[in-house]
Amino acid sequence: ITLQTLRKITLENNDFKTAYSTLDRLNKINDSIRVHTMRAKTEELELKYKTKLKDEENTNLKILNRGKENSLQQQRLINIIVVCFLLFSLAAVFYIYRINIVRKKAEEALEEYKHFFKTSPDLACIANVQGYFLILNPSFEKVLDYSEKELLEKQFMEFIHPDDIDSTLKEIKKLKAGAVTINFVNRYRKKDRNYLWFEWNTTPDTVTGKLYATGRDITEHKKT
């Protein structure tokens, strides 16, 4: 009911008391409506606020979960790196251990070869195809009476009997081609100018040109 309607009722009925009473009821109704409206708006705002808070909580929770996932991934990556490092370290330690064992065995074998080389009663040497001794065992000095220096500074052809030089040169030519010498015989001069007969077994290294030879004194056998 509007004011115009109320005025019209008042003029028609000429009843101001009823009009004021009606107006008062209308005001109370309007106040009630406004209260309900405000309450509804307040509830709506409160609902929106709660919804917003909930959305923010969900968002924060998602961010937190994402952070936890990233943290877990980083931790997994760190764990993988640590494990790889430990495995690499163990492999390195094992490799070094194996290398040390191999080296120790090689050194022991080398010492055994040196001992065999030095104590052998036969002549043992490393020479080259140019005709020079490179390494000699002590038997050379004991048997031929020359010093190691005298034997190393001259070509070994200078110690060979003149009648055996041609055959020795032919044998060296075979060794250059990679052939192995077995039971080759020639004579070497001692320091006292006497000659001894030797039976040689020689293996060549065609890459380095080195000759690995052993010679056995067969002089007594030749005399018989």
C-alpha atoms as a PDB file:
ATOM      1  CA  ILE A   1       0.000   0.000   0.000  1.00  0.00           C
ATOM      2  CA  THR A   2       1.467   3.372  -1.057  1.00  0.00           C
ATOM      3  CA  LEU A   3       1.002   6.801   0.570  1.00  0.00           C
ATOM      4  CA  GLN A   4      -1.318   7.882  -2.248  1.00  0.00           C
ATOM      5  CA  THR A   5      -3.504   4.854  -1.589  1.00  0.00           C
ATOM      6  CA  LEU A   6      -3.486   5.634   2.127  1.00  0.00           C
ATOM      7  CA  ARG A   7      -4.425   9.308   1.455  1.00  0.00           C
ATOM      8  CA  LYS A   8      -7.214   8.200  -0.792  1.00  0.00           C
ATOM      9  CA  ILE A   9      -8.557   5.878   1.902  1.00  0.00           C
ATOM     10  CA  THR A  10      -8.313   8.611   4.504  1.00  0.00           C
ATOM     11  CA  LEU A  11     -10.149  11.185   2.348  1.00  0.00           C
ATOM     12  CA  GLU A  12     -12.823   8.714   1.412  1.00  0.00           C
ATOM     13  CA  ASN A  13     -13.425   7.590   4.994  1.00  0.00           C
ATOM     14  CA  ASN A  14     -12.472  10.800   6.770  1.00  0.00           C
ATOM     15  CA  ASP A  15     -10.867   8.522   9.404  1.00  0.00           C
ATOM     16  CA  PHE A  16      -7.424   9.781  10.373  1.00  0.00           C
ATOM     17  CA  LYS A  17      -7.057   7.415  13.285  1.00  0.00           C
ATOM     18  CA  THR A  18      -7.455   4.368  11.070  1.00  0.00           C
ATOM     19  CA  ALA A  19      -5.074   5.866   8.544  1.00  0.00           C
ATOM     20  CA  TYR A  20      -2.347   6.424  11.128  1.00  0.00           C
ATOM     21  CA  SER A  21      -2.859   2.970  12.516  1.00  0.00           C
ATOM     22  CA  THR A  22      -2.511   1.474   9.070  1.00  0.00           C
ATOM     23  CA  LEU A  23       0.591   3.595   8.394  1.00  0.00           C
ATOM     24  CA  ASP A  24       2.147   2.387  11.622  1.00  0.00           C
ATOM     25  CA  ARG A  25       1.544  -1.229  10.677  1.00  0.00           C
ATOM     26  CA  LEU A  26       3.009  -0.550   7.247  1.00  0.00           C
ATOM     27  CA  ASN A  27       6.142   0.952   8.793  1.00  0.00           C
ATOM     28  CA  LYS A  28       6.548  -2.079  11.042  1.00  0.00           C
ATOM     29  CA  ILE A  29       6.102  -4.348   8.063  1.00  0.00           C
ATOM     30  CA  ASN A  30       8.681  -2.358   6.082  1.00  0.00           C
ATOM     31  CA  ASP A  31      11.055  -2.462   9.039  1.00  0.00           C
ATOM     32  CA  SER A  32      10.578  -6.205   9.271  1.00  0.00           C
ATOM     33  CA  ILE A  33      11.161  -6.547   5.550  1.00  0.00           C
ATOM     34  CA  ARG A  34      14.326  -4.451   5.770  1.00  0.00           C
ATOM     35  CA  VAL A  35      15.546  -6.534   8.714  1.00  0.00           C
ATOM     36  CA  HIS A  36      14.891  -9.758   6.823  1.00  0.00           C
ATOM     37  CA  THR A  37      16.494  -8.281   3.722  1.00  0.00           C
ATOM     38  CA  MET A  38      19.578  -7.180   5.659  1.00  0.00           C
ATOM     39  CA  ARG A  39      19.729 -10.532   7.390  1.00  0.00           C
ATOM     40  CA  ALA A  40      19.483 -12.318   4.043  1.00  0.00           C
ATOM     41  CA  LYS A  41      22.188 -10.116   2.584  1.00  0.00           C
ATOM     42  CA  THR A  42      24.315 -10.669   5.668  1.00  0.00           C
ATOM     43  CA  GLU A  43      23.837 -14.419   5.389  1.00  0.00           C
ATOM     44  CA  GLU A  44      24.623 -14.216   1.683  1.00  0.00           C
ATOM     45  CA  LEU A  45      27.787 -12.222   2.362  1.00  0.00           C
ATOM     46  CA  GLU A  46      28.703 -14.592   5.159  1.00  0.00           C
ATOM     47  CA  LEU A  47      28.164 -17.545   2.827  1.00  0.00           C
ATOM     48  CA  LYS A  48      30.288 -15.889   0.150  1.00  0.00           C
ATOM     49  CA  TYR A  49      32.979 -15.135   2.715  1.00  0.00           C
ATOM     50  CA  LYS A  50      32.954 -18.710   3.975  1.00  0.00           C
ATOM     51  CA  THR A  51      33.063 -19.974   0.397  1.00  0.00           C
ATOM     52  CA  LYS A  52      35.948 -17.659  -0.350  1.00  0.00           C
ATOM     53  CA  LEU A  53      37.759 -18.790   2.783  1.00  0.00           C
ATOM     54  CA  LYS A  54      37.176 -22.392   1.845  1.00  0.00           C
ATOM     55  CA  ASP A  55      38.467 -21.763  -1.681  1.00  0.00           C
ATOM     56  CA  GLU A  56      41.524 -20.043  -0.255  1.00  0.00           C
ATOM     57  CA  GLU A  57      42.057 -22.938   2.135  1.00  0.00           C
ATOM     58  CA  ASN A  58      41.775 -25.369  -0.753  1.00  0.00           C
ATOM     59  CA  THR A  59      44.195 -23.272  -2.772  1.00  0.00           C
ATOM     60  CA  ASN A  60      46.641 -23.077   0.119  1.00  0.00           C
ATOM     61  CA  LEU A  61      46.246 -26.800   0.668  1.00  0.00           C
ATOM     62  CA  LYS A  62      46.997 -27.467  -2.992  1.00  0.00           C
ATOM     63  CA  ILE A  63      50.062 -25.207  -2.809  1.00  0.00           C
ATOM     64  CA  LEU A  64      51.154 -26.979   0.369  1.00  0.00           C
ATOM     65  CA  ASN A  65      50.646 -30.391  -1.208  1.00  0.00           C
ATOM     66  CA  ARG A  66      52.501 -29.273  -4.311  1.00  0.00           C
ATOM     67  CA  GLY A  67      55.317 -28.038  -2.097  1.00  0.00           C
ATOM     68  CA  LYS A  68      55.387 -31.372  -0.290  1.00  0.00           C
ATOM     69  CA  GLU A  69      55.459 -33.218  -3.608  1.00  0.00           C
ATOM     70  CA  ASN A  70      58.299 -31.028  -4.838  1.00  0.00           C
ATOM     71  CA  SER A  71      60.117 -31.582  -1.570  1.00  0.00           C
ATOM     72  CA  LEU A  72      59.632 -35.337  -1.874  1.00  0.00           C
ATOM     73  CA  GLN A  73      60.870 -35.275  -5.470  1.00  0.00           C
ATOM     74  CA  GLN A  74      63.915 -33.285  -4.419  1.00  0.00           C
ATOM     75  CA  GLN A  75      64.557 -35.717  -1.581  1.00  0.00           C
ATOM     76  CA  ARG A  76      64.220 -38.660  -3.968  1.00  0.00           C
ATOM     77  CA  LEU A  77      66.665 -36.979  -6.352  1.00  0.00           C
ATOM     78  CA  ILE A  78      69.111 -36.371  -3.505  1.00  0.00           C
ATOM     79  CA  ASN A  79      68.752 -39.993  -2.412  1.00  0.00           C
ATOM     80  CA  ILE A  80      69.413 -41.182  -5.961  1.00  0.00           C
ATOM     81  CA  ILE A  81      72.501 -38.971  -6.199  1.00  0.00           C
ATOM     82  CA  VAL A  82      73.772 -40.242  -2.849  1.00  0.00           C
ATOM     83  CA  VAL A  83      73.195 -43.868  -3.851  1.00  0.00           C
ATOM     84  CA  CYS A  84      74.932 -43.316  -7.208  1.00  0.00           C
ATOM     85  CA  PHE A  85      77.853 -41.659  -5.444  1.00  0.00           C
ATOM     86  CA  LEU A  86      78.131 -44.548  -2.984  1.00  0.00           C
ATOM     87  CA  LEU A  87      77.990 -47.102  -5.794  1.00  0.00           C
ATOM     88  CA  PHE A  88      80.609 -45.183  -7.761  1.00  0.00           C
ATOM     89  CA  SER A  89      82.815 -44.969  -4.658  1.00  0.00           C
ATOM     90  CA  LEU A  90      82.465 -48.698  -4.023  1.00  0.00           C
ATOM     91  CA  ALA A  91      83.261 -49.437  -7.674  1.00  0.00           C
ATOM     92  CA  ALA A  92      86.309 -47.150  -7.504  1.00  0.00           C
ATOM     93  CA  VAL A  93      87.527 -48.817  -4.306  1.00  0.00           C
ATOM     94  CA  PHE A  94      87.007 -52.271  -5.809  1.00  0.00           C
ATOM     95  CA  TYR A  95      88.784 -51.208  -9.026  1.00  0.00           C
ATOM     96  CA  ILE A  96      91.740 -49.791  -7.081  1.00  0.00           C
ATOM     97  CA  TYR A  97      91.833 -52.960  -4.974  1.00  0.00           C
ATOM     98  CA  ARG A  98      91.873 -55.131  -8.098  1.00  0.00           C
ATOM     99  CA  ILE A  99      94.533 -52.935  -9.711  1.00  0.00           C
ATOM    100  CA  ASN A 100      96.694 -53.239  -6.610  1.00  0.00           C
ATOM    101  CA  ILE A 101      96.300 -57.023  -6.606  1.00  0.00           C
ATOM    102  CA  VAL A 102      97.173 -57.242 -10.311  1.00  0.00           C
ATOM    103  CA  ARG A 103     100.119 -54.891  -9.833  1.00  0.00           C
ATOM    104  CA  LYS A 104     101.354 -56.887  -6.846  1.00  0.00           C
ATOM    105  CA  LYS A 105     101.103 -60.147  -8.800  1.00  0.00           C
ATOM    106  CA  ALA A 106     102.873 -58.554 -11.757  1.00  0.00           C
ATOM    107  CA  GLU A 107     105.652 -57.268  -9.498  1.00  0.00           C
ATOM    108  CA  GLU A 108     106.005 -60.705  -7.895  1.00  0.00           C
ATOM    109  CA  ALA A 109     106.122 -62.358 -11.322  1.00  0.00           C
ATOM    110  CA  LEU A 110     108.696 -59.810 -12.483  1.00  0.00           C
ATOM    111  CA  GLU A 111     110.852 -60.501  -9.451  1.00  0.00           C
ATOM    112  CA  GLU A 112     110.625 -64.209 -10.199  1.00  0.00           C
ATOM    113  CA  TYR A 113     111.651 -63.625 -13.818  1.00  0.00           C
ATOM    114  CA  LYS A 114     114.531 -61.409 -12.659  1.00  0.00           C
ATOM    115  CA  HIS A 115     115.656 -64.088 -10.228  1.00  0.00           C
ATOM    116  CA  PHE A 116     115.448 -66.765 -12.925  1.00  0.00           C
ATOM    117  CA  PHE A 117     117.237 -64.489 -15.415  1.00  0.00           C
ATOM    118  CA  LYS A 118     120.075 -63.659 -13.011  1.00  0.00           C
ATOM    119  CA  THR A 119     120.617 -67.145 -11.601  1.00  0.00           C
ATOM    120  CA  SER A 120     120.313 -69.138 -14.832  1.00  0.00           C
ATOM    121  CA  PRO A 121     123.570 -70.994 -15.653  1.00  0.00           C
ATOM    122  CA  ASP A 122     122.834 -70.519 -19.367  1.00  0.00           C
ATOM    123  CA  LEU A 123     123.464 -67.293 -21.206  1.00  0.00           C
ATOM    124  CA  ALA A 124     120.286 -65.160 -21.363  1.00  0.00           C
ATOM    125  CA  CYS A 125     120.032 -61.820 -23.104  1.00  0.00           C
ATOM    126  CA  ILE A 126     117.991 -59.256 -24.975  1.00  0.00           C
ATOM    127  CA  ALA A 127     119.635 -58.044 -28.187  1.00  0.00           C
ATOM    128  CA  ASN A 128     118.545 -56.176 -31.307  1.00  0.00           C
ATOM    129  CA  VAL A 129     118.718 -56.876 -35.030  1.00  0.00           C
ATOM    130  CA  GLN A 130     121.411 -54.193 -35.363  1.00  0.00           C
ATOM    131  CA  GLY A 131     123.784 -56.618 -33.633  1.00  0.00           C
ATOM    132  CA  TYR A 132     124.064 -55.187 -30.100  1.00  0.00           C
ATOM    133  CA  PHE A 133     123.358 -56.731 -26.730  1.00  0.00           C
ATOM    134  CA  LEU A 134     120.865 -54.677 -24.660  1.00  0.00           C
ATOM    135  CA  ILE A 135     120.539 -56.699 -21.443  1.00  0.00           C
ATOM    136  CA  LEU A 136     122.745 -59.565 -20.255  1.00  0.00           C
ATOM    137  CA  ASN A 137     122.486 -61.958 -17.361  1.00  0.00           C
ATOM    138  CA  PRO A 138     125.544 -62.500 -15.097  1.00  0.00           C
ATOM    139  CA  SER A 139     126.392 -65.795 -16.852  1.00  0.00           C
ATOM    140  CA  PHE A 140     127.838 -63.843 -19.792  1.00  0.00           C
ATOM    141  CA  GLU A 141     130.573 -62.397 -17.583  1.00  0.00           C
ATOM    142  CA  LYS A 142     131.191 -65.689 -15.773  1.00  0.00           C
ATOM    143  CA  VAL A 143     131.452 -67.786 -18.948  1.00  0.00           C
ATOM    144  CA  LEU A 144     133.161 -65.375 -21.369  1.00  0.00           C
ATOM    145  CA  ASP A 145     135.197 -63.422 -18.780  1.00  0.00           C
ATOM    146  CA  TYR A 146     134.297 -60.064 -20.370  1.00  0.00           C
ATOM    147  CA  SER A 147     132.770 -57.264 -18.306  1.00  0.00           C
ATOM    148  CA  GLU A 148     129.201 -56.263 -19.003  1.00  0.00           C
ATOM    149  CA  LYS A 149     130.416 -52.919 -20.348  1.00  0.00           C
ATOM    150  CA  GLU A 150     132.760 -54.619 -22.847  1.00  0.00           C
ATOM    151  CA  LEU A 151     129.971 -56.859 -24.107  1.00  0.00           C
ATOM    152  CA  LEU A 152     127.407 -54.030 -24.441  1.00  0.00           C
ATOM    153  CA  GLU A 153     129.570 -51.455 -26.197  1.00  0.00           C
ATOM    154  CA  LYS A 154     130.542 -53.739 -29.124  1.00  0.00           C
ATOM    155  CA  GLN A 155     128.467 -55.606 -31.701  1.00  0.00           C
ATOM    156  CA  PHE A 156     128.181 -59.244 -30.764  1.00  0.00           C
ATOM    157  CA  MET A 157     129.554 -60.140 -34.209  1.00  0.00           C
ATOM    158  CA  GLU A 158     132.975 -59.112 -32.908  1.00  0.00           C
ATOM    159  CA  PHE A 159     132.863 -62.000 -30.427  1.00  0.00           C
ATOM    160  CA  ILE A 160     131.734 -64.647 -32.937  1.00  0.00           C
ATOM    161  CA  HIS A 161     134.154 -67.008 -34.635  1.00  0.00           C
ATOM    162  CA  PRO A 162     134.949 -65.792 -38.168  1.00  0.00           C
ATOM    163  CA  ASP A 163     133.759 -69.077 -39.679  1.00  0.00           C
ATOM    164  CA  ASP A 164     130.321 -68.635 -38.031  1.00  0.00           C
ATOM    165  CA  ILE A 165     129.654 -65.007 -39.023  1.00  0.00           C
ATOM    166  CA  ASP A 166     127.896 -65.785 -42.328  1.00  0.00           C
ATOM    167  CA  SER A 167     125.560 -68.349 -40.790  1.00  0.00           C
ATOM    168  CA  THR A 168     124.846 -66.014 -37.870  1.00  0.00           C
ATOM    169  CA  LEU A 169     123.970 -63.133 -40.260  1.00  0.00           C
ATOM    170  CA  LYS A 170     121.607 -65.449 -42.161  1.00  0.00           C
ATOM    171  CA  GLU A 171     119.962 -66.437 -38.887  1.00  0.00           C
ATOM    172  CA  ILE A 172     119.513 -62.778 -37.927  1.00  0.00           C
ATOM    173  CA  LYS A 173     117.890 -62.141 -41.312  1.00  0.00           C
ATOM    174  CA  LYS A 174     115.370 -64.890 -40.542  1.00  0.00           C
ATOM    175  CA  LEU A 175     114.737 -63.363 -37.121  1.00  0.00           C
ATOM    176  CA  LYS A 176     114.024 -59.982 -38.737  1.00  0.00           C
ATOM    177  CA  ALA A 177     111.304 -61.694 -40.798  1.00  0.00           C
ATOM    178  CA  GLY A 178     109.763 -63.123 -37.620  1.00  0.00           C
ATOM    179  CA  ALA A 179     111.148 -66.665 -37.668  1.00  0.00           C
ATOM    180  CA  VAL A 180     112.039 -68.331 -34.376  1.00  0.00           C
ATOM    181  CA  THR A 181     115.561 -69.711 -33.922  1.00  0.00           C
ATOM    182  CA  ILE A 182     115.794 -73.185 -32.459  1.00  0.00           C
ATOM    183  CA  ASN A 183     119.074 -74.889 -31.598  1.00  0.00           C
ATOM    184  CA  PHE A 184     121.210 -72.584 -33.708  1.00  0.00           C
ATOM    185  CA  VAL A 185     124.913 -73.233 -33.034  1.00  0.00           C
ATOM    186  CA  ASN A 186     127.889 -70.865 -33.246  1.00  0.00           C
ATOM    187  CA  ARG A 187     131.101 -70.086 -31.388  1.00  0.00           C
ATOM    188  CA  TYR A 188     131.889 -67.130 -29.123  1.00  0.00           C
ATOM    189  CA  ARG A 189     135.357 -65.954 -28.207  1.00  0.00           C
ATOM    190  CA  LYS A 190     136.359 -65.759 -24.575  1.00  0.00           C
ATOM    191  CA  LYS A 191     138.625 -63.055 -23.253  1.00  0.00           C
ATOM    192  CA  ASP A 192     141.504 -65.546 -23.208  1.00  0.00           C
ATOM    193  CA  ARG A 193     141.033 -65.928 -27.034  1.00  0.00           C
ATOM    194  CA  ASN A 194     139.604 -69.463 -26.762  1.00  0.00           C
ATOM    195  CA  TYR A 195     136.201 -70.246 -28.292  1.00  0.00           C
ATOM    196  CA  LEU A 196     133.170 -71.891 -26.776  1.00  0.00           C
ATOM    197  CA  TRP A 197     130.303 -73.546 -28.616  1.00  0.00           C
ATOM    198  CA  PHE A 198     126.773 -72.334 -27.831  1.00  0.00           C
ATOM    199  CA  GLU A 199     123.343 -73.602 -28.831  1.00  0.00           C
ATOM    200  CA  TRP A 200     120.862 -70.710 -29.160  1.00  0.00           C
ATOM    201  CA  ASN A 201     117.091 -70.450 -28.973  1.00  0.00           C
ATOM    202  CA  THR A 202     115.808 -67.006 -29.946  1.00  0.00           C
ATOM    203  CA  THR A 203     112.381 -65.386 -30.235  1.00  0.00           C
ATOM    204  CA  PRO A 204     112.090 -62.080 -32.135  1.00  0.00           C
ATOM    205  CA  ASP A 205     109.739 -59.129 -31.614  1.00  0.00           C
ATOM    206  CA  THR A 206     109.219 -57.774 -35.122  1.00  0.00           C
ATOM    207  CA  VAL A 207     107.587 -54.585 -33.782  1.00  0.00           C
ATOM    208  CA  THR A 208     110.481 -53.483 -31.559  1.00  0.00           C
ATOM    209  CA  GLY A 209     113.259 -55.371 -33.372  1.00  0.00           C
ATOM    210  CA  LYS A 210     114.351 -56.992 -30.113  1.00  0.00           C
ATOM    211  CA  LEU A 211     115.663 -60.545 -29.838  1.00  0.00           C
ATOM    212  CA  TYR A 212     115.096 -62.635 -26.711  1.00  0.00           C
ATOM    213  CA  ALA A 213     117.716 -65.367 -26.587  1.00  0.00           C
ATOM    214  CA  THR A 214     119.159 -68.097 -24.394  1.00  0.00           C
ATOM    215  CA  GLY A 215     122.451 -69.869 -25.115  1.00  0.00           C
ATOM    216  CA  ARG A 216     123.634 -73.157 -23.629  1.00  0.00           C
ATOM    217  CA  ASP A 217     127.322 -74.008 -23.521  1.00  0.00           C
ATOM    218  CA  ILE A 218     127.782 -77.248 -25.519  1.00  0.00           C
ATOM    219  CA  THR A 219     131.579 -77.116 -25.783  1.00  0.00           C
ATOM    220  CA  GLU A 220     132.117 -80.354 -23.839  1.00  0.00           C
ATOM    221  CA  HIS A 221     129.488 -82.075 -25.955  1.00  0.00           C
ATOM    222  CA  LYS A 222     131.286 -80.931 -29.141  1.00  0.00           C
ATOM    223  CA  LYS A 223     134.599 -82.330 -27.893  1.00  0.00           C
ATOM    224  CA  THR A 224     133.058 -85.738 -27.580  1.00  0.00           C
END
